[in-house]
Each structure stands twice: as C-alpha cells, then as structure tokens.
C-alpha atoms as a PDB file:
ATOM      1  CA  MET A   1      92.972 103.266  61.737  1.00  0.00           C
ATOM      2  CA  LEU A   2      92.395 106.328  63.567  1.00  0.00           C
ATOM      3  CA  ASP A   3      89.646 105.197  65.961  1.00  0.00           C
ATOM      4  CA  PHE A   4      91.812 102.240  66.986  1.00  0.00           C
ATOM      5  CA  LEU A   5      94.928 104.665  67.669  1.00  0.00           C
ATOM      6  CA  LYS A   6      92.589 106.738  69.888  1.00  0.00           C
ATOM      7  CA  LYS A   7      91.480 103.314  71.960  1.00  0.00           C
ATOM      8  CA  ILE A   8      95.229 102.468  71.881  1.00  0.00           C
ATOM      9  CA  TRP A   9      96.177 106.116  73.245  1.00  0.00           C
ATOM     10  CA  LYS A  10      93.309 106.240  75.661  1.00  0.00           C
ATOM     11  CA  TRP A  11      94.342 103.224  77.192  1.00  0.00           C
ATOM     12  CA  VAL A  12      98.191 103.749  77.557  1.00  0.00           C
ATOM     13  CA  ARG A  13      97.759 107.978  78.463  1.00  0.00           C
ATOM     14  CA  THR A  14     100.847 109.628  79.266  1.00  0.00           C
ATOM     15  CA  ASP A  15     101.775 107.960  82.868  1.00  0.00           C
ATOM     16  CA  GLY A  16     101.566 104.669  80.707  1.00  0.00           C
ATOM     17  CA  LEU A  17     104.314 106.092  78.227  1.00  0.00           C
ATOM     18  CA  LEU A  18     106.270 107.445  80.607  1.00  0.00           C
ATOM     19  CA  HIS A  19     106.255 103.629  82.031  1.00  0.00           C
ATOM     20  CA  ILE A  20     107.699 102.298  78.602  1.00  0.00           C
ATOM     21  CA  GLY A  21     110.200 105.267  78.646  1.00  0.00           C
ATOM     22  CA  TYR A  22     111.763 104.701  81.825  1.00  0.00           C
ATOM     23  CA  ALA A  23     111.699 100.955  81.888  1.00  0.00           C
ATOM     24  CA  ALA A  24     113.798 101.068  78.273  1.00  0.00           C
ATOM     25  CA  LEU A  25     115.475 103.589  79.494  1.00  0.00           C
ATOM     26  CA  ILE A  26     116.894 101.344  82.796  1.00  0.00           C
ATOM     27  CA  PHE A  27     117.307  98.602  80.796  1.00  0.00           C
ATOM     28  CA  LEU A  28     119.608 100.464  78.683  1.00  0.00           C
ATOM     29  CA  SER A  29     121.620 102.290  80.907  1.00  0.00           C
ATOM     30  CA  LEU A  30     122.540  98.827  82.981  1.00  0.00           C
ATOM     31  CA  GLU A  31     122.936  96.713  79.954  1.00  0.00           C
ATOM     32  CA  PRO A  32     126.372  97.802  78.829  1.00  0.00           C
ATOM     33  CA  PHE A  33     127.709  97.071  82.359  1.00  0.00           C
ATOM     34  CA  MET A  34     126.606  93.335  83.102  1.00  0.00           C
ATOM     35  CA  PRO A  35     124.773  90.793  80.486  1.00  0.00           C
ATOM     36  CA  TRP A  36     121.737  91.525  79.243  1.00  0.00           C
ATOM     37  CA  TRP A  37     119.521  89.317  80.792  1.00  0.00           C
ATOM     38  CA  VAL A  38     120.722  90.209  84.411  1.00  0.00           C
ATOM     39  CA  ALA A  39     119.744  94.125  82.911  1.00  0.00           C
ATOM     40  CA  ALA A  40     116.202  92.867  82.433  1.00  0.00           C
ATOM     41  CA  ILE A  41     115.760  91.117  85.419  1.00  0.00           C
ATOM     42  CA  ILE A  42     117.132  93.968  87.515  1.00  0.00           C
ATOM     43  CA  THR A  43     114.527  96.040  85.340  1.00  0.00           C
ATOM     44  CA  VAL A  44     111.574  94.000  86.386  1.00  0.00           C
ATOM     45  CA  VAL A  45     112.594  93.961  90.184  1.00  0.00           C
ATOM     46  CA  LEU A  46     112.780  97.522  90.139  1.00  0.00           C
ATOM     47  CA  PHE A  47     109.708  98.389  88.235  1.00  0.00           C
ATOM     48  CA  ILE A  48     107.723  95.440  90.601  1.00  0.00           C
ATOM     49  CA  ILE A  49     109.491  97.193  93.247  1.00  0.00           C
ATOM     50  CA  LYS A  50     107.781 100.645  92.265  1.00  0.00           C
ATOM     51  CA  GLU A  51     104.549  99.305  92.106  1.00  0.00           C
ATOM     52  CA  ILE A  52     104.875  98.065  95.919  1.00  0.00           C
ATOM     53  CA  TYR A  53     106.179 101.491  97.299  1.00  0.00           C
ATOM     54  CA  ASP A  54     103.253 102.799  95.421  1.00  0.00           C
ATOM     55  CA  ARG A  55     100.672 100.479  97.298  1.00  0.00           C
ATOM     56  CA  HIS A  56     102.077 101.180 100.582  1.00  0.00           C
ATOM     57  CA  HIS A  57     102.396 105.068 100.430  1.00  0.00           C
ATOM     58  CA  GLY A  58      98.867 106.070  99.726  1.00  0.00           C
ATOM     59  CA  GLY A  59      99.341 105.456  95.941  1.00  0.00           C
ATOM     60  CA  CYS A  60      97.677 103.478  93.483  1.00  0.00           C
ATOM     61  CA  ALA A  61      99.376 100.079  92.063  1.00  0.00           C
ATOM     62  CA  GLU A  62      98.357  99.317  88.515  1.00  0.00           C
ATOM     63  CA  TRP A  63      98.446  96.216  86.568  1.00  0.00           C
ATOM     64  CA  HIS A  64      98.223  99.168  83.254  1.00  0.00           C
ATOM     65  CA  ASP A  65     101.732 100.358  85.279  1.00  0.00           C
ATOM     66  CA  ILE A  66     103.251  97.166  85.121  1.00  0.00           C
ATOM     67  CA  ILE A  67     102.501  96.502  81.597  1.00  0.00           C
ATOM     68  CA  CYS A  68     103.349  99.628  80.041  1.00  0.00           C
ATOM     69  CA  ASP A  69     107.139  98.463  82.070  1.00  0.00           C
ATOM     70  CA  CYS A  70     107.154  95.455  79.946  1.00  0.00           C
ATOM     71  CA  ILE A  71     106.630  96.814  76.642  1.00  0.00           C
ATOM     72  CA  GLY A  72     109.462  99.337  77.429  1.00  0.00           C
ATOM     73  CA  LEU A  73     111.421  96.760  78.799  1.00  0.00           C
ATOM     74  CA  ALA A  74     110.574  94.724  75.750  1.00  0.00           C
ATOM     75  CA  TYR A  75     111.504  97.940  73.299  1.00  0.00           C
ATOM     76  CA  GLY A  76     114.942  98.189  75.407  1.00  0.00           C
ATOM     77  CA  ILE A  77     115.548  94.358  74.581  1.00  0.00           C
ATOM     78  CA  ILE A  78     114.816  95.260  70.858  1.00  0.00           C
ATOM     79  CA  ILE A  79     117.148  98.389  70.326  1.00  0.00           C
ATOM     80  CA  PHE A  80     119.984  96.471  72.124  1.00  0.00           C
ATOM     81  CA  LEU A  81     119.343  93.350  69.591  1.00  0.00           C
ATOM     82  CA  LEU A  82     118.944  95.852  66.711  1.00  0.00           C
ATOM     83  CA  LYS A  83     122.339  97.351  68.562  1.00  0.00           C
ATOM     84  CA  LEU A  84     124.393  93.900  68.408  1.00  0.00           C
ATOM     85  CA  TRP A  85     122.909  93.500  65.012  1.00  0.00           C
ATOM     86  CA  LEU A  86     124.027  96.271  63.496  1.00  0.00           C
ATOM     87  CA  ARG A  87     127.882  95.932  64.922  1.00  0.00           C
END
C-alpha cells in the first residue's frame, strides 16, 4: 500500500495538489452565487484559459495540470453535494 501511495504522490506532486485545491476553491467560491453547473463550467473554462496562458507565455501547458484541476472540481462538487445533504 505504501508503494502505491508513493507512486500517486510522485505523479501528483506539489503542483498537482495546488491545482486540485484551487479548482475546488474556485468552484466552492462561485457556487453560492449561481447554479452549481454554471460554477462548474466557469471553473473548467478558467483552468483551460490558465493552461492556454501558460503555453503562450513561455510556460508549459500540461495534461497533468488539467487532470488535477478536474479532480479538484470533482472534490468541490462532492463537498457541495455533502453540504446539500447535511442541510
């Protein structure tokens, strides 16, 4: 099990954790002001725009970042659904 966790950490890295956290935070910040599905679409558009910006300004656009952003969005949606369920 420890080897499996090490492989996951090696793939995610600190940058991936930041992408996961920020995607969830963006969704959860937008969700109170609009329907959840609109907040999810805006979140997806924002992280795609960020990768396009990276590509055109000397950075590196990576699929890794987009996958981690999708994981973060999924976490944000799960937290939103739990919040609804616990009301």
